[in-house]
Protein backbone atom coordinates (compact mmCIF):
# COMPACT_ATOMS: atom_id res chain seq x y z
CA UNK A 1 69.66 39.32 -21.72
CA UNK A 2 69.14 38.01 -18.17
CA UNK A 3 65.44 38.03 -16.93
CA UNK A 4 64.34 38.51 -13.49
CA UNK A 5 63.57 35.14 -11.93
CA UNK A 6 60.52 36.26 -10.13
CA UNK A 7 57.43 37.06 -12.17
CA UNK A 8 56.48 40.66 -12.53
CA UNK A 9 54.08 42.39 -10.06
CA UNK A 10 51.78 43.28 -12.76
CA UNK A 11 51.60 39.51 -13.65
CA UNK A 12 50.91 38.62 -9.98
CA UNK A 13 47.95 41.21 -10.09
CA UNK A 14 46.62 39.80 -13.19
CA UNK A 15 46.60 36.31 -11.84
CA UNK A 16 44.92 37.47 -8.61
CA UNK A 17 42.39 39.40 -10.52
CA UNK A 18 41.62 36.22 -12.73
CA UNK A 19 41.22 34.05 -9.44
CA UNK A 20 38.84 36.54 -7.94
CA UNK A 21 36.66 36.59 -11.15
CA UNK A 22 36.58 32.86 -11.26
CA UNK A 23 35.74 32.62 -7.65
CA UNK A 24 32.79 35.34 -8.06
CA UNK A 25 31.53 33.10 -10.92
CA UNK A 26 31.50 30.23 -9.06
CA UNK A 27 29.54 31.81 -6.22
CA UNK A 28 26.96 33.25 -8.84
CA UNK A 29 26.70 29.60 -10.29
CA UNK A 30 25.80 28.19 -6.94
CA UNK A 31 23.40 30.96 -6.23
CA UNK A 32 21.49 30.27 -9.45
CA UNK A 33 21.63 26.66 -8.82
CA UNK A 34 19.99 27.19 -5.35
CA UNK A 35 17.26 29.48 -6.98
CA UNK A 36 16.67 26.94 -9.64
CA UNK A 37 15.87 24.21 -6.94
CA UNK A 38 13.71 26.67 -5.08
CA UNK A 39 11.77 27.57 -8.35
CA UNK A 40 11.46 23.97 -9.58
CA UNK A 41 10.05 23.11 -6.17
CA UNK A 42 7.37 25.80 -6.51
CA UNK A 43 6.42 24.57 -9.86
CA UNK A 44 5.94 21.11 -8.76
CA UNK A 45 3.65 22.42 -5.86
CA UNK A 46 1.76 24.67 -8.09
CA UNK A 47 1.01 22.89 -11.35
CA UNK A 48 0.28 25.27 -14.32
CA UNK A 49 -3.47 26.03 -14.96
CA UNK A 50 -4.84 25.34 -18.33
CA UNK A 51 -4.46 28.28 -20.94
CA UNK A 52 -7.71 29.66 -21.70
CA UNK A 53 -6.57 30.62 -25.13
CA UNK A 54 -6.14 27.10 -26.23
CA UNK A 55 -9.03 25.44 -24.25
CA UNK A 56 -10.98 23.14 -26.31
CA UNK A 57 -8.24 22.59 -29.04
CA UNK A 58 -7.72 19.13 -29.79
CA UNK A 59 -4.21 18.01 -30.91
CA UNK A 60 -3.54 16.00 -34.12
CA UNK A 61 -5.36 16.07 -37.50
CA UNK A 62 -8.24 18.48 -37.65
CA UNK A 63 -11.58 17.85 -39.37
CA UNK A 64 -12.00 19.30 -42.63
CA UNK A 65 -13.37 23.08 -42.79
CA UNK A 66 -16.10 22.26 -45.25
C-alpha cells in the first residue's frame, strides 16, 4: 500500500491547466476593466440626447383623461 511520494504527472498537468485558465481570466478581466474606463469616458464626453419618443412626457401624477 505504499504510494509514490511525488504527485502524478496527470495531476501536475491538471494544476498547470488550472493556473493557465486563471491567468487567462485575469487578463480578460483587466481588458474589460480598461474597456469600461474608455467607454465611461466617452459617455461623459458625449451626454445622451433626449429621446424623441418620451419628449413632452411629465413624470409624476398625470391629469385626468376626462
